[in-house]
Amino acid sequence: MTVNLTLVLVAASLLGCGVYLVLERSLSRVLVGIVMIGNGVSLSFMVAGGPAGRAPIVSKGGDTTGLTDPLPQAMVLTAIVITLATTAFVLAMAYRSWQLNGHDDVQDDIEDDIVRRLALRDVTSEAYSATTSDYPGDDSSGDPGQGPDDDPLVADAAETAEREARST
């Protein structure tokens, strides 16, 4: 099978430029990036599908040589639908952001900034401290009565051994 190098390069450039645009803060650029990624994926599927051939409709006992594979075409249709839905969602977000803020730039979240600053200082958050335990096998339920001897795995093994001893 021969592959058209021009189509491969165009698909790769569409995907690369699309990823670059998706990583921007402006939702309008993200929107264009999603459309470019969708087109690049569709083109990649068509290139991977191979050369054009006859329609994949075969009568009983008919010749099946030179038929086009219908799977890449179905994948392209699926990619188009997913791109359309994602584009509509991002367009609605950009419009709402424009209505509320007068711009479509994505702002930093306050909680993300707090987590970033705590990570730079290497501080453990209170939520992590509350849900973790120093005891092995602890289920992190926050039960203050659990100690090193209350390991549920050891208790399960002991109960199983006790049941087996009773049954024999």
N, C-alpha and C. Protein backbone atom coordinates (compact mmCIF):
# COMPACT_ATOMS: atom_id res chain seq x y z
N MET A 1 0.85 -1.17 0.00
CA MET A 1 0.00 0.00 0.00
C MET A 1 0.89 1.24 0.00
N THR A 2 0.62 2.16 -0.86
CA THR A 2 1.36 3.41 -0.91
C THR A 2 0.56 4.49 -0.20
N VAL A 3 1.27 5.38 0.46
CA VAL A 3 0.64 6.45 1.22
C VAL A 3 1.04 7.78 0.60
N ASN A 4 0.07 8.67 0.49
CA ASN A 4 0.34 10.00 -0.05
C ASN A 4 1.02 10.83 1.04
N LEU A 5 2.28 11.17 0.82
CA LEU A 5 3.06 11.89 1.82
C LEU A 5 2.50 13.28 2.08
N THR A 6 1.96 13.91 1.06
CA THR A 6 1.39 15.25 1.24
C THR A 6 0.23 15.22 2.24
N LEU A 7 -0.64 14.21 2.12
CA LEU A 7 -1.78 14.12 3.04
C LEU A 7 -1.32 13.82 4.47
N VAL A 8 -0.28 13.01 4.60
CA VAL A 8 0.26 12.71 5.92
C VAL A 8 0.83 13.98 6.56
N LEU A 9 1.57 14.77 5.79
CA LEU A 9 2.13 16.01 6.33
C LEU A 9 1.05 17.03 6.67
N VAL A 10 0.02 17.12 5.84
CA VAL A 10 -1.08 18.04 6.14
C VAL A 10 -1.81 17.61 7.41
N ALA A 11 -2.06 16.30 7.55
CA ALA A 11 -2.73 15.80 8.76
C ALA A 11 -1.87 16.06 10.00
N ALA A 12 -0.57 15.83 9.89
CA ALA A 12 0.32 16.06 11.03
C ALA A 12 0.39 17.54 11.39
N SER A 13 0.43 18.40 10.39
CA SER A 13 0.47 19.84 10.69
C SER A 13 -0.85 20.32 11.28
N LEU A 14 -1.98 19.78 10.81
CA LEU A 14 -3.27 20.15 11.41
C LEU A 14 -3.33 19.71 12.87
N LEU A 15 -2.88 18.50 13.14
CA LEU A 15 -2.89 18.02 14.52
C LEU A 15 -1.94 18.82 15.40
N GLY A 16 -0.74 19.12 14.90
CA GLY A 16 0.23 19.89 15.69
C GLY A 16 -0.25 21.30 15.97
N CYS A 17 -0.74 21.98 14.95
CA CYS A 17 -1.25 23.35 15.16
C CYS A 17 -2.49 23.35 16.05
N GLY A 18 -3.32 22.33 15.91
CA GLY A 18 -4.52 22.23 16.75
C GLY A 18 -4.17 22.04 18.21
N VAL A 19 -3.20 21.18 18.50
CA VAL A 19 -2.78 20.98 19.89
C VAL A 19 -2.18 22.27 20.45
N TYR A 20 -1.39 22.97 19.65
CA TYR A 20 -0.81 24.24 20.10
C TYR A 20 -1.92 25.24 20.45
N LEU A 21 -2.95 25.31 19.62
CA LEU A 21 -4.02 26.27 19.87
C LEU A 21 -4.89 25.86 21.06
N VAL A 22 -5.08 24.57 21.27
CA VAL A 22 -5.88 24.11 22.41
C VAL A 22 -5.21 24.48 23.73
N LEU A 23 -3.89 24.59 23.74
CA LEU A 23 -3.17 24.91 24.96
C LEU A 23 -3.16 26.41 25.28
N GLU A 24 -3.79 27.23 24.44
CA GLU A 24 -3.87 28.67 24.69
C GLU A 24 -4.95 28.97 25.72
N ARG A 25 -4.95 30.20 26.24
CA ARG A 25 -5.95 30.61 27.24
C ARG A 25 -7.23 31.14 26.61
N SER A 26 -7.17 31.62 25.40
CA SER A 26 -8.33 32.19 24.75
C SER A 26 -9.23 31.07 24.22
N LEU A 27 -10.52 31.11 24.58
CA LEU A 27 -11.43 30.06 24.15
C LEU A 27 -11.68 30.09 22.65
N SER A 28 -11.55 31.26 22.01
CA SER A 28 -11.70 31.29 20.56
C SER A 28 -10.56 30.54 19.88
N ARG A 29 -9.36 30.65 20.42
CA ARG A 29 -8.24 29.87 19.88
C ARG A 29 -8.40 28.39 20.17
N VAL A 30 -8.92 28.07 21.34
CA VAL A 30 -9.19 26.67 21.68
C VAL A 30 -10.22 26.10 20.69
N LEU A 31 -11.22 26.90 20.34
CA LEU A 31 -12.24 26.47 19.39
C LEU A 31 -11.64 26.16 18.03
N VAL A 32 -10.79 27.05 17.53
CA VAL A 32 -10.14 26.82 16.25
C VAL A 32 -9.23 25.59 16.34
N GLY A 33 -8.55 25.43 17.48
CA GLY A 33 -7.70 24.27 17.66
C GLY A 33 -8.47 22.96 17.63
N ILE A 34 -9.64 22.94 18.25
CA ILE A 34 -10.46 21.72 18.24
C ILE A 34 -10.92 21.39 16.82
N VAL A 35 -11.29 22.40 16.07
CA VAL A 35 -11.69 22.16 14.68
C VAL A 35 -10.51 21.63 13.87
N MET A 36 -9.32 22.19 14.09
CA MET A 36 -8.14 21.72 13.36
C MET A 36 -7.79 20.28 13.75
N ILE A 37 -7.89 19.95 15.03
CA ILE A 37 -7.63 18.57 15.47
C ILE A 37 -8.64 17.62 14.84
N GLY A 38 -9.90 18.01 14.82
CA GLY A 38 -10.93 17.17 14.20
C GLY A 38 -10.66 16.92 12.73
N ASN A 39 -10.26 17.96 12.00
CA ASN A 39 -9.95 17.79 10.59
C ASN A 39 -8.70 16.94 10.40
N GLY A 40 -7.70 17.12 11.26
CA GLY A 40 -6.49 16.32 11.17
C GLY A 40 -6.76 14.84 11.43
N VAL A 41 -7.61 14.56 12.43
CA VAL A 41 -7.96 13.17 12.73
C VAL A 41 -8.74 12.55 11.57
N SER A 42 -9.68 13.30 11.01
CA SER A 42 -10.45 12.79 9.87
C SER A 42 -9.55 12.50 8.68
N LEU A 43 -8.64 13.40 8.40
CA LEU A 43 -7.71 13.19 7.30
C LEU A 43 -6.80 12.00 7.56
N SER A 44 -6.37 11.83 8.81
CA SER A 44 -5.53 10.68 9.17
C SER A 44 -6.28 9.36 8.96
N PHE A 45 -7.55 9.33 9.33
CA PHE A 45 -8.34 8.12 9.11
C PHE A 45 -8.47 7.81 7.62
N MET A 46 -8.69 8.83 6.82
CA MET A 46 -8.84 8.59 5.38
C MET A 46 -7.52 8.14 4.76
N VAL A 47 -6.40 8.68 5.22
CA VAL A 47 -5.10 8.24 4.71
C VAL A 47 -4.86 6.79 5.12
N ALA A 48 -5.19 6.46 6.37
CA ALA A 48 -4.97 5.10 6.86
C ALA A 48 -5.90 4.09 6.18
N GLY A 49 -7.03 4.57 5.65
CA GLY A 49 -7.99 3.68 4.99
C GLY A 49 -7.51 3.13 3.67
N GLY A 50 -6.48 3.72 3.10
CA GLY A 50 -5.94 3.22 1.85
C GLY A 50 -6.57 3.90 0.65
N PRO A 51 -6.23 3.41 -0.54
CA PRO A 51 -6.72 4.06 -1.76
C PRO A 51 -8.21 3.81 -1.96
N ALA A 52 -8.81 4.66 -2.78
CA ALA A 52 -10.24 4.54 -3.09
C ALA A 52 -10.47 3.27 -3.91
N GLY A 53 -11.63 2.72 -3.77
CA GLY A 53 -11.98 1.51 -4.50
C GLY A 53 -13.46 1.52 -4.81
N ARG A 54 -13.97 0.34 -5.10
CA ARG A 54 -15.40 0.22 -5.40
C ARG A 54 -16.20 0.30 -4.11
N ALA A 55 -17.47 0.61 -4.25
CA ALA A 55 -18.37 0.67 -3.09
C ALA A 55 -18.46 -0.70 -2.43
N PRO A 56 -18.46 -0.78 -1.11
CA PRO A 56 -18.46 -2.07 -0.42
C PRO A 56 -19.84 -2.73 -0.37
N ILE A 57 -20.48 -2.81 -1.53
CA ILE A 57 -21.78 -3.48 -1.62
C ILE A 57 -21.57 -4.69 -2.53
N VAL A 58 -21.79 -5.87 -2.01
CA VAL A 58 -21.50 -7.09 -2.75
C VAL A 58 -22.77 -7.91 -2.88
N SER A 59 -23.04 -8.36 -4.09
CA SER A 59 -24.17 -9.26 -4.28
C SER A 59 -23.72 -10.69 -3.98
N LYS A 60 -24.65 -11.59 -3.86
CA LYS A 60 -24.32 -12.98 -3.52
C LYS A 60 -23.45 -13.59 -4.61
N GLY A 61 -22.28 -14.04 -4.19
CA GLY A 61 -21.36 -14.66 -5.13
C GLY A 61 -20.62 -13.64 -6.00
N GLY A 62 -20.67 -12.36 -5.64
CA GLY A 62 -20.03 -11.32 -6.44
C GLY A 62 -18.54 -11.22 -6.17
N ASP A 63 -17.86 -10.45 -6.98
CA ASP A 63 -16.42 -10.25 -6.86
C ASP A 63 -16.14 -9.26 -5.73
N THR A 64 -15.23 -9.60 -4.82
CA THR A 64 -14.93 -8.73 -3.68
C THR A 64 -13.57 -8.06 -3.80
N THR A 65 -12.92 -8.15 -4.93
CA THR A 65 -11.62 -7.51 -5.09
C THR A 65 -11.80 -6.02 -5.36
N GLY A 66 -10.92 -5.23 -4.79
CA GLY A 66 -10.92 -3.79 -5.03
C GLY A 66 -11.99 -3.02 -4.28
N LEU A 67 -12.56 -3.62 -3.24
CA LEU A 67 -13.58 -2.91 -2.46
C LEU A 67 -12.93 -1.95 -1.48
N THR A 68 -13.60 -0.87 -1.20
CA THR A 68 -13.14 0.09 -0.21
C THR A 68 -13.52 -0.40 1.18
N ASP A 69 -12.61 -0.21 2.13
CA ASP A 69 -12.89 -0.58 3.51
C ASP A 69 -13.85 0.45 4.10
N PRO A 70 -15.03 0.05 4.58
CA PRO A 70 -15.98 1.04 5.12
C PRO A 70 -15.66 1.51 6.53
N LEU A 71 -14.77 0.83 7.25
CA LEU A 71 -14.48 1.20 8.64
C LEU A 71 -13.87 2.60 8.77
N PRO A 72 -12.86 2.97 7.96
CA PRO A 72 -12.33 4.33 8.09
C PRO A 72 -13.37 5.41 7.79
N GLN A 73 -14.27 5.12 6.88
CA GLN A 73 -15.32 6.10 6.58
C GLN A 73 -16.27 6.26 7.77
N ALA A 74 -16.58 5.16 8.43
CA ALA A 74 -17.42 5.23 9.62
C ALA A 74 -16.70 5.96 10.75
N MET A 75 -15.40 5.74 10.88
CA MET A 75 -14.62 6.44 11.90
C MET A 75 -14.57 7.94 11.62
N VAL A 76 -14.47 8.33 10.35
CA VAL A 76 -14.46 9.75 10.00
C VAL A 76 -15.80 10.38 10.35
N LEU A 77 -16.89 9.69 10.06
CA LEU A 77 -18.21 10.23 10.42
C LEU A 77 -18.33 10.39 11.94
N THR A 78 -17.83 9.43 12.68
CA THR A 78 -17.85 9.54 14.14
C THR A 78 -16.99 10.70 14.61
N ALA A 79 -15.81 10.88 14.01
CA ALA A 79 -14.95 12.00 14.38
C ALA A 79 -15.60 13.34 14.06
N ILE A 80 -16.34 13.40 12.97
CA ILE A 80 -17.03 14.64 12.61
C ILE A 80 -18.10 14.97 13.65
N VAL A 81 -18.85 13.97 14.08
CA VAL A 81 -19.90 14.19 15.07
C VAL A 81 -19.29 14.62 16.41
N ILE A 82 -18.21 13.98 16.82
CA ILE A 82 -17.56 14.35 18.08
C ILE A 82 -16.99 15.76 18.00
N THR A 83 -16.39 16.11 16.87
CA THR A 83 -15.85 17.46 16.69
C THR A 83 -16.97 18.50 16.72
N LEU A 84 -18.09 18.19 16.09
CA LEU A 84 -19.22 19.12 16.09
C LEU A 84 -19.75 19.35 17.51
N ALA A 85 -19.89 18.27 18.28
CA ALA A 85 -20.40 18.41 19.65
C ALA A 85 -19.42 19.19 20.53
N THR A 86 -18.14 18.90 20.40
CA THR A 86 -17.14 19.60 21.20
C THR A 86 -17.06 21.06 20.81
N THR A 87 -17.16 21.33 19.51
CA THR A 87 -17.13 22.71 19.03
C THR A 87 -18.33 23.49 19.57
N ALA A 88 -19.50 22.88 19.55
CA ALA A 88 -20.69 23.55 20.08
C ALA A 88 -20.53 23.86 21.57
N PHE A 89 -19.96 22.92 22.32
CA PHE A 89 -19.77 23.12 23.75
C PHE A 89 -18.79 24.26 24.02
N VAL A 90 -17.65 24.26 23.33
CA VAL A 90 -16.65 25.32 23.54
C VAL A 90 -17.19 26.67 23.06
N LEU A 91 -17.96 26.67 21.98
CA LEU A 91 -18.56 27.92 21.50
C LEU A 91 -19.54 28.48 22.53
N ALA A 92 -20.32 27.61 23.16
CA ALA A 92 -21.25 28.07 24.21
C ALA A 92 -20.48 28.61 25.41
N MET A 93 -19.37 27.95 25.79
CA MET A 93 -18.56 28.45 26.90
C MET A 93 -17.94 29.80 26.56
N ALA A 94 -17.44 29.96 25.33
CA ALA A 94 -16.82 31.22 24.94
C ALA A 94 -17.86 32.34 24.93
N TYR A 95 -19.05 32.05 24.44
CA TYR A 95 -20.11 33.06 24.41
C TYR A 95 -20.51 33.47 25.82
N ARG A 96 -20.65 32.50 26.71
CA ARG A 96 -21.02 32.81 28.09
C ARG A 96 -19.91 33.58 28.80
N SER A 97 -18.67 33.22 28.53
CA SER A 97 -17.54 33.95 29.10
C SER A 97 -17.52 35.39 28.59
N TRP A 98 -17.84 35.57 27.33
CA TRP A 98 -17.88 36.92 26.76
C TRP A 98 -19.00 37.74 27.40
N GLN A 99 -20.13 37.10 27.64
CA GLN A 99 -21.25 37.80 28.28
C GLN A 99 -20.90 38.22 29.71
N LEU A 100 -20.24 37.35 30.47
CA LEU A 100 -19.97 37.63 31.86
C LEU A 100 -18.76 38.54 32.07
N ASN A 101 -17.70 38.35 31.29
CA ASN A 101 -16.44 39.04 31.56
C ASN A 101 -16.03 40.05 30.50
N GLY A 102 -16.63 39.98 29.33
CA GLY A 102 -16.21 40.88 28.25
C GLY A 102 -15.01 40.37 27.48
N HIS A 103 -14.52 39.17 27.82
CA HIS A 103 -13.41 38.54 27.09
C HIS A 103 -13.59 37.03 27.20
N ASP A 104 -12.83 36.30 26.42
CA ASP A 104 -12.98 34.85 26.45
C ASP A 104 -11.73 34.14 26.96
N ASP A 105 -10.91 34.85 27.73
CA ASP A 105 -9.72 34.24 28.30
C ASP A 105 -10.11 33.42 29.53
N VAL A 106 -9.50 32.27 29.67
CA VAL A 106 -9.73 31.41 30.83
C VAL A 106 -8.87 31.93 31.97
N GLN A 107 -9.49 32.21 33.10
CA GLN A 107 -8.78 32.73 34.26
C GLN A 107 -8.29 31.60 35.14
N ASP A 108 -7.26 31.87 35.93
CA ASP A 108 -6.77 30.89 36.89
C ASP A 108 -7.80 30.71 38.00
N ASP A 109 -7.97 29.48 38.42
CA ASP A 109 -8.86 29.17 39.52
C ASP A 109 -8.15 29.49 40.83
N ILE A 110 -8.87 30.04 41.79
CA ILE A 110 -8.28 30.41 43.08
C ILE A 110 -7.74 29.17 43.80
N GLU A 111 -8.51 28.07 43.76
CA GLU A 111 -8.07 26.85 44.42
C GLU A 111 -6.81 26.28 43.77
N ASP A 112 -6.72 26.38 42.44
CA ASP A 112 -5.50 25.92 41.77
C ASP A 112 -4.29 26.73 42.22
N ASP A 113 -4.48 28.02 42.41
CA ASP A 113 -3.38 28.86 42.86
C ASP A 113 -2.94 28.48 44.27
N ILE A 114 -3.89 28.17 45.13
CA ILE A 114 -3.56 27.76 46.50
C ILE A 114 -2.79 26.44 46.48
N VAL A 115 -3.27 25.49 45.69
CA VAL A 115 -2.59 24.19 45.60
C VAL A 115 -1.18 24.36 45.04
N ARG A 116 -1.03 25.24 44.05
CA ARG A 116 0.29 25.48 43.46
C ARG A 116 1.25 26.07 44.49
N ARG A 117 0.77 27.05 45.28
CA ARG A 117 1.62 27.66 46.29
C ARG A 117 1.98 26.67 47.39
N LEU A 118 1.02 25.83 47.82
CA LEU A 118 1.30 24.81 48.83
C LEU A 118 2.30 23.78 48.32
N ALA A 119 2.19 23.43 47.04
CA ALA A 119 3.12 22.46 46.47
C ALA A 119 4.53 23.03 46.40
N LEU A 120 4.64 24.31 46.12
CA LEU A 120 5.96 24.92 46.08
C LEU A 120 6.61 24.95 47.46
N ARG A 121 5.78 25.13 48.50
CA ARG A 121 6.31 25.12 49.87
C ARG A 121 6.37 23.72 50.44
N ASP A 122 5.89 22.72 49.69
CA ASP A 122 5.88 21.32 50.10
C ASP A 122 5.08 21.14 51.38
N VAL A 123 3.87 21.68 51.40
CA VAL A 123 2.98 21.59 52.55
C VAL A 123 1.89 20.58 52.23
N THR A 124 1.58 19.69 53.17
CA THR A 124 0.51 18.73 53.02
C THR A 124 -0.81 19.40 53.36
N SER A 125 -1.81 19.23 52.50
CA SER A 125 -3.10 19.87 52.75
C SER A 125 -3.81 19.18 53.91
N GLU A 126 -4.76 19.90 54.53
CA GLU A 126 -5.51 19.35 55.65
C GLU A 126 -6.37 18.18 55.22
N ALA A 127 -6.92 18.24 54.01
CA ALA A 127 -7.78 17.15 53.54
C ALA A 127 -6.98 15.87 53.37
N TYR A 128 -5.75 15.97 52.89
CA TYR A 128 -4.92 14.77 52.73
C TYR A 128 -4.55 14.20 54.10
N SER A 129 -4.23 15.07 55.04
CA SER A 129 -3.88 14.61 56.38
C SER A 129 -5.06 13.94 57.06
N ALA A 130 -6.26 14.42 56.80
CA ALA A 130 -7.45 13.87 57.45
C ALA A 130 -7.84 12.51 56.88
N THR A 131 -7.47 12.22 55.64
CA THR A 131 -7.90 10.96 55.02
C THR A 131 -6.80 9.92 54.93
N THR A 132 -5.62 10.22 55.42
CA THR A 132 -4.55 9.23 55.39
C THR A 132 -4.20 8.82 56.80
N SER A 133 -3.58 7.68 56.92
CA SER A 133 -3.25 7.14 58.22
C SER A 133 -1.84 6.60 58.20
N ASP A 134 -1.22 6.55 59.36
CA ASP A 134 0.11 5.98 59.48
C ASP A 134 0.05 4.47 59.68
N TYR A 135 -1.15 3.92 59.85
CA TYR A 135 -1.30 2.51 60.14
C TYR A 135 -1.45 1.72 58.85
N PRO A 136 -0.71 0.62 58.69
CA PRO A 136 -0.83 -0.18 57.48
C PRO A 136 -2.19 -0.86 57.41
N GLY A 137 -2.77 -0.88 56.23
CA GLY A 137 -4.06 -1.54 56.05
C GLY A 137 -5.24 -0.71 56.48
N ASP A 138 -5.01 0.52 56.93
CA ASP A 138 -6.11 1.39 57.36
C ASP A 138 -6.94 1.76 56.14
N ASP A 139 -8.26 1.78 56.32
CA ASP A 139 -9.13 2.10 55.20
C ASP A 139 -9.36 3.60 55.06
N SER A 140 -8.66 4.41 55.82
CA SER A 140 -8.73 5.87 55.77
C SER A 140 -10.13 6.39 55.98
N SER A 141 -10.87 5.73 56.86
CA SER A 141 -12.24 6.17 57.11
C SER A 141 -12.29 7.30 58.12
N GLY A 142 -11.18 7.61 58.74
CA GLY A 142 -11.16 8.67 59.72
C GLY A 142 -11.57 8.20 61.10
N ASP A 143 -11.71 6.88 61.31
CA ASP A 143 -12.09 6.34 62.60
C ASP A 143 -10.91 6.51 63.56
N PRO A 144 -11.05 7.35 64.61
CA PRO A 144 -9.91 7.59 65.49
C PRO A 144 -9.56 6.39 66.35
N GLY A 145 -10.45 5.38 66.43
CA GLY A 145 -10.20 4.23 67.28
C GLY A 145 -9.30 3.20 66.64
N GLN A 146 -8.94 3.36 65.39
CA GLN A 146 -8.12 2.36 64.74
C GLN A 146 -6.67 2.52 65.14
N GLY A 147 -6.04 1.42 65.38
CA GLY A 147 -4.63 1.43 65.73
C GLY A 147 -3.87 0.41 64.91
N PRO A 148 -2.62 0.21 65.22
CA PRO A 148 -1.82 -0.73 64.44
C PRO A 148 -2.33 -2.17 64.53
N ASP A 149 -3.03 -2.50 65.61
CA ASP A 149 -3.53 -3.86 65.76
C ASP A 149 -4.87 -4.06 65.06
N ASP A 150 -5.47 -2.99 64.54
CA ASP A 150 -6.78 -3.07 63.91
C ASP A 150 -6.69 -3.20 62.40
N ASP A 151 -5.65 -3.83 61.90
CA ASP A 151 -5.47 -3.98 60.47
C ASP A 151 -6.56 -4.91 59.92
N PRO A 152 -7.43 -4.43 59.01
CA PRO A 152 -8.54 -5.26 58.53
C PRO A 152 -8.08 -6.48 57.74
N LEU A 153 -6.93 -6.40 57.08
CA LEU A 153 -6.44 -7.56 56.32
C LEU A 153 -6.04 -8.69 57.26
N VAL A 154 -5.39 -8.34 58.37
CA VAL A 154 -4.99 -9.34 59.35
C VAL A 154 -6.23 -9.93 60.01
N ALA A 155 -7.22 -9.09 60.31
CA ALA A 155 -8.45 -9.57 60.94
C ALA A 155 -9.18 -10.52 60.02
N ASP A 156 -9.25 -10.23 58.70
CA ASP A 156 -9.90 -11.13 57.74
C ASP A 156 -9.19 -12.47 57.69
N ALA A 157 -7.87 -12.46 57.68
CA ALA A 157 -7.11 -13.71 57.63
C ALA A 157 -7.34 -14.52 58.90
N ALA A 158 -7.41 -13.85 60.05
CA ALA A 158 -7.64 -14.55 61.32
C ALA A 158 -9.04 -15.16 61.35
N GLU A 159 -10.05 -14.42 60.85
CA GLU A 159 -11.42 -14.96 60.82
C GLU A 159 -11.50 -16.16 59.90
N THR A 160 -10.83 -16.10 58.75
CA THR A 160 -10.85 -17.23 57.82
C THR A 160 -10.20 -18.44 58.44
N ALA A 161 -9.07 -18.29 59.11
CA ALA A 161 -8.39 -19.40 59.76
C ALA A 161 -9.26 -19.98 60.87
N GLU A 162 -9.96 -19.12 61.62
CA GLU A 162 -10.82 -19.57 62.69
C GLU A 162 -11.98 -20.39 62.16
N ARG A 163 -12.59 -19.97 61.03
CA ARG A 163 -13.70 -20.70 60.42
C ARG A 163 -13.23 -22.07 59.93
N GLU A 164 -12.05 -22.10 59.35
CA GLU A 164 -11.53 -23.37 58.84
C GLU A 164 -11.25 -24.34 60.00
N ALA A 165 -10.77 -23.82 61.13
CA ALA A 165 -10.48 -24.66 62.29
C ALA A 165 -11.77 -25.24 62.87
N ARG A 166 -12.85 -24.45 62.86
CA ARG A 166 -14.14 -24.92 63.37
C ARG A 166 -14.75 -25.98 62.46
N SER A 167 -14.56 -25.83 61.18
CA SER A 167 -15.20 -26.76 60.23
C SER A 167 -14.51 -28.12 60.20
N THR A 168 -13.28 -28.22 60.65
CA THR A 168 -12.58 -29.52 60.63
C THR A 168 -12.67 -30.24 61.93
